[in-house]
Amino acid sequence: MHQKRKYSVRIDNVFFLKQLGASLRDATTAVPKEELTEDIRLALRRLDRLDAREKATTSEEPHIDPTA
């Protein structure tokens, strides 16, 4: 069974909670990606992947066979 994590992203020994991940995005929107540190860019990519994965799993509808 899938265990829900308490955090979204981990960088070294720093754990970002889901709400902090949104804050990280908000705080970095005005900064060009080239100026962000590699750790922050990695964290943002991980957050994007986790959001996409979560969206994909929650939007899956059960397949209903119309011929059944």
N, C-alpha and C. Protein backbone atom coordinates (compact mmCIF):
# COMPACT_ATOMS: atom_id res chain seq x y z
N MET A 1 0.84 -1.17 0.00
CA MET A 1 0.00 0.00 0.00
C MET A 1 0.89 1.24 0.00
N HIS A 2 0.47 2.25 -0.73
CA HIS A 2 1.25 3.50 -0.86
C HIS A 2 1.14 4.30 0.43
N GLN A 3 2.31 4.64 1.00
CA GLN A 3 2.33 5.43 2.23
C GLN A 3 2.48 6.90 1.87
N LYS A 4 1.60 7.74 2.37
CA LYS A 4 1.65 9.16 2.07
C LYS A 4 2.79 9.81 2.84
N ARG A 5 3.62 10.58 2.12
CA ARG A 5 4.74 11.24 2.75
C ARG A 5 4.31 12.51 3.45
N LYS A 6 5.07 12.87 4.47
CA LYS A 6 4.82 14.11 5.20
C LYS A 6 5.50 15.28 4.54
N TYR A 7 6.42 15.00 3.61
CA TYR A 7 7.16 16.07 2.98
C TYR A 7 7.13 15.89 1.46
N SER A 8 7.42 16.95 0.73
CA SER A 8 7.43 16.90 -0.73
C SER A 8 8.82 16.68 -1.28
N VAL A 9 9.78 17.43 -0.78
CA VAL A 9 11.12 17.40 -1.33
C VAL A 9 12.13 17.37 -0.19
N ARG A 10 13.23 16.65 -0.43
CA ARG A 10 14.32 16.62 0.54
C ARG A 10 15.60 17.03 -0.18
N ILE A 11 16.30 18.01 0.37
CA ILE A 11 17.61 18.42 -0.13
C ILE A 11 18.58 18.26 1.04
N ASP A 12 19.55 17.39 0.88
CA ASP A 12 20.47 17.04 1.96
C ASP A 12 19.64 16.64 3.17
N ASN A 13 19.74 17.40 4.26
CA ASN A 13 18.94 17.05 5.44
C ASN A 13 17.81 18.05 5.68
N VAL A 14 17.42 18.78 4.63
CA VAL A 14 16.32 19.75 4.74
C VAL A 14 15.10 19.16 4.04
N PHE A 15 14.01 19.09 4.76
CA PHE A 15 12.76 18.55 4.22
C PHE A 15 11.79 19.69 3.98
N PHE A 16 11.21 19.75 2.79
CA PHE A 16 10.22 20.77 2.45
C PHE A 16 8.82 20.17 2.56
N LEU A 17 8.01 20.71 3.43
CA LEU A 17 6.63 20.28 3.51
C LEU A 17 5.88 20.79 2.29
N LYS A 18 4.74 20.21 2.01
CA LYS A 18 3.99 20.61 0.82
C LYS A 18 3.71 22.10 0.80
N GLN A 19 3.31 22.68 1.93
CA GLN A 19 3.02 24.10 1.97
C GLN A 19 4.29 24.92 1.73
N LEU A 20 5.41 24.44 2.22
CA LEU A 20 6.67 25.14 2.01
C LEU A 20 7.10 25.04 0.55
N GLY A 21 6.75 23.96 -0.10
CA GLY A 21 7.05 23.83 -1.52
C GLY A 21 6.33 24.91 -2.32
N ALA A 22 5.08 25.18 -1.99
CA ALA A 22 4.34 26.25 -2.66
C ALA A 22 4.99 27.59 -2.36
N SER A 23 5.44 27.78 -1.14
CA SER A 23 6.11 29.03 -0.78
C SER A 23 7.43 29.18 -1.54
N LEU A 24 8.14 28.07 -1.72
CA LEU A 24 9.39 28.11 -2.48
C LEU A 24 9.11 28.55 -3.91
N ARG A 25 8.06 28.03 -4.50
CA ARG A 25 7.69 28.43 -5.86
C ARG A 25 7.37 29.91 -5.91
N ASP A 26 6.57 30.37 -4.96
CA ASP A 26 6.19 31.78 -4.93
C ASP A 26 7.42 32.68 -4.76
N ALA A 27 8.33 32.26 -3.91
CA ALA A 27 9.51 33.08 -3.63
C ALA A 27 10.47 33.14 -4.81
N THR A 28 10.43 32.16 -5.69
CA THR A 28 11.39 32.12 -6.78
C THR A 28 10.79 32.50 -8.13
N THR A 29 9.54 32.92 -8.18
CA THR A 29 8.91 33.23 -9.46
C THR A 29 9.58 34.41 -10.16
N ALA A 30 10.04 35.39 -9.42
CA ALA A 30 10.65 36.58 -10.02
C ALA A 30 12.13 36.41 -10.31
N VAL A 31 12.71 35.30 -9.90
CA VAL A 31 14.15 35.08 -10.09
C VAL A 31 14.35 34.23 -11.34
N PRO A 32 15.19 34.67 -12.27
CA PRO A 32 15.48 33.84 -13.45
C PRO A 32 16.08 32.51 -13.03
N LYS A 33 15.68 31.45 -13.69
CA LYS A 33 16.14 30.11 -13.31
C LYS A 33 17.66 29.99 -13.33
N GLU A 34 18.32 30.74 -14.21
CA GLU A 34 19.77 30.69 -14.29
C GLU A 34 20.43 31.21 -13.02
N GLU A 35 19.73 32.07 -12.29
CA GLU A 35 20.30 32.66 -11.08
C GLU A 35 20.03 31.82 -9.82
N LEU A 36 19.17 30.83 -9.94
CA LEU A 36 18.88 29.97 -8.80
C LEU A 36 20.01 28.97 -8.61
N THR A 37 20.22 28.56 -7.37
CA THR A 37 21.23 27.54 -7.12
C THR A 37 20.74 26.20 -7.66
N GLU A 38 21.66 25.30 -7.88
CA GLU A 38 21.29 23.99 -8.41
C GLU A 38 20.36 23.25 -7.46
N ASP A 39 20.56 23.40 -6.16
CA ASP A 39 19.68 22.75 -5.18
C ASP A 39 18.24 23.25 -5.30
N ILE A 40 18.07 24.53 -5.49
CA ILE A 40 16.72 25.10 -5.61
C ILE A 40 16.08 24.65 -6.92
N ARG A 41 16.85 24.66 -8.00
CA ARG A 41 16.30 24.19 -9.29
C ARG A 41 15.89 22.72 -9.19
N LEU A 42 16.72 21.92 -8.51
CA LEU A 42 16.39 20.51 -8.32
C LEU A 42 15.11 20.37 -7.49
N ALA A 43 14.99 21.14 -6.44
CA ALA A 43 13.79 21.08 -5.60
C ALA A 43 12.55 21.45 -6.40
N LEU A 44 12.64 22.48 -7.22
CA LEU A 44 11.49 22.89 -8.04
C LEU A 44 11.12 21.81 -9.05
N ARG A 45 12.12 21.17 -9.65
CA ARG A 45 11.82 20.07 -10.59
C ARG A 45 11.16 18.91 -9.87
N ARG A 46 11.64 18.59 -8.68
CA ARG A 46 11.03 17.49 -7.91
C ARG A 46 9.60 17.82 -7.53
N LEU A 47 9.36 19.06 -7.14
CA LEU A 47 7.99 19.47 -6.81
C LEU A 47 7.09 19.34 -8.03
N ASP A 48 7.59 19.75 -9.20
CA ASP A 48 6.79 19.62 -10.42
C ASP A 48 6.47 18.17 -10.73
N ARG A 49 7.46 17.29 -10.58
CA ARG A 49 7.22 15.87 -10.83
C ARG A 49 6.22 15.29 -9.85
N LEU A 50 6.37 15.63 -8.58
CA LEU A 50 5.43 15.12 -7.57
C LEU A 50 4.02 15.62 -7.82
N ASP A 51 3.88 16.88 -8.19
CA ASP A 51 2.55 17.42 -8.50
C ASP A 51 1.93 16.71 -9.70
N ALA A 52 2.75 16.48 -10.73
CA ALA A 52 2.25 15.79 -11.92
C ALA A 52 1.83 14.37 -11.59
N ARG A 53 2.64 13.69 -10.77
CA ARG A 53 2.32 12.32 -10.38
C ARG A 53 1.04 12.28 -9.55
N GLU A 54 0.91 13.21 -8.62
CA GLU A 54 -0.29 13.26 -7.78
C GLU A 54 -1.52 13.58 -8.61
N LYS A 55 -1.38 14.49 -9.55
CA LYS A 55 -2.51 14.86 -10.41
C LYS A 55 -2.93 13.68 -11.27
N ALA A 56 -1.95 12.93 -11.78
CA ALA A 56 -2.24 11.78 -12.63
C ALA A 56 -2.95 10.68 -11.84
N THR A 57 -2.55 10.46 -10.60
CA THR A 57 -3.18 9.39 -9.82
C THR A 57 -4.56 9.80 -9.31
N THR A 58 -4.78 11.07 -9.06
CA THR A 58 -6.10 11.49 -8.57
C THR A 58 -7.10 11.68 -9.70
N SER A 59 -6.61 11.90 -10.92
CA SER A 59 -7.53 12.13 -12.03
C SER A 59 -7.89 10.85 -12.77
N GLU A 60 -7.27 9.75 -12.38
CA GLU A 60 -7.59 8.48 -13.05
C GLU A 60 -9.00 8.05 -12.66
N GLU A 61 -9.79 7.81 -13.69
CA GLU A 61 -11.14 7.31 -13.46
C GLU A 61 -11.17 5.83 -13.78
N PRO A 62 -11.96 5.09 -13.06
CA PRO A 62 -12.02 3.65 -13.36
C PRO A 62 -12.59 3.43 -14.76
N HIS A 63 -12.01 2.46 -15.46
CA HIS A 63 -12.47 2.14 -16.81
C HIS A 63 -13.77 1.35 -16.71
N ILE A 64 -14.79 1.83 -17.43
CA ILE A 64 -16.08 1.15 -17.44
C ILE A 64 -16.29 0.60 -18.84
N ASP A 65 -16.48 -0.69 -18.94
CA ASP A 65 -16.69 -1.33 -20.23
C ASP A 65 -18.16 -1.19 -20.61
N PRO A 66 -18.46 -0.43 -21.69
CA PRO A 66 -19.86 -0.22 -22.06
C PRO A 66 -20.55 -1.47 -22.57
N THR A 67 -19.79 -2.49 -22.93
CA THR A 67 -20.41 -3.73 -23.46
C THR A 67 -20.77 -4.70 -22.34
N ALA A 68 -20.33 -4.42 -21.13
CA ALA A 68 -20.58 -5.34 -20.03
C ALA A 68 -21.95 -5.17 -19.46
